Amino acid sequence: MSRSRYTRGMNRLERAIVATSLAFSALALAFAFYAMPSSGAHATLRLPADLGPAEGLILTSADGKDTVRMEAKDGHIAWGDRSTNRVWSVASVDIDKVMKKVLEGASYADKRKEAQEGAQAEEAAFNKRAEDIKAKYPLPTDGSQPPQEAQREFGMLQQEYNKWLEGVRTRDDKIAADQFEQAYRELVAAVETISEKESIDLVFRFFPTADPFKSERAGEALAQIQSRTFLKYPASIDITADVMKALNLTE
């Protein structure tokens, strides 16, 4: 093949390749055009504004001092190596509202009722013994003192009753203490469930600032103030309703 014929053939091949490339480019542009939103939608089109990925972000003040390096550690925004240098997800629970509802539950109420009925039966037995002593030693009609035996038996019965009454109060306090702790454990378990689901790190107990004090003494009012952790808080951090739902409690 002569050099001129070879050159002419190569030129034709190059022109064909260029033409084919232009055709594909035009076709790609046509597809892109039809895939684009209408002019009205294009005006409101939002493009992703994400930055990164990056290993860190350096923040400086206007004077160039106090530089802070922000980075991700253990799924949290961190600005130092200490475990306390983290941004934590925060929530709150009205524990007074939740625990009152828990303590109203049947298992709690039944135990308190059982203890109360037992105490009432024991007290009735004391009253019966007192009536027996009265029947055994009728009061003198002349206004004189009852016999020494009657006074002695009444005194012994009174001492026994006082000791029993102290024991009942101690028993009731123990029941109340056990139920408070049990209700608290149920509350904590529900908070753990919600926190795991919602990726919450810290949950504070609180009383809503708008709730009335319902106190008649200065000490009670002060206690109400001290128990209200937050003076101001966004309603979005209150997960009380979620916790009550997890415990199958109604408002």
Foldseek 3Di string as FASTA:
>chain_A
DDPVVVVVVVVVVVVVVVVVVVVVVVVVVVVVVVPDDDPVVVVVDDDDPDDDPDQWDWDADPVRPDIWIWGDDPNFIAGDDDPVRTDFFEFEAQVVVQLVQVCPDPVNVVVVVVLVVVVVVVVVVLVVVLVVLCVVWPDDPVPDDTDPVSVVVVVVSVVVVVVVVVVSVVVVVVSVVVSSVVSVVLLVVLVVVVCVVVVGDYYYYADDPPDDQPDDDPVSSVVNVVRGPDPDDDPVRYCHVSSCVSVVTDD
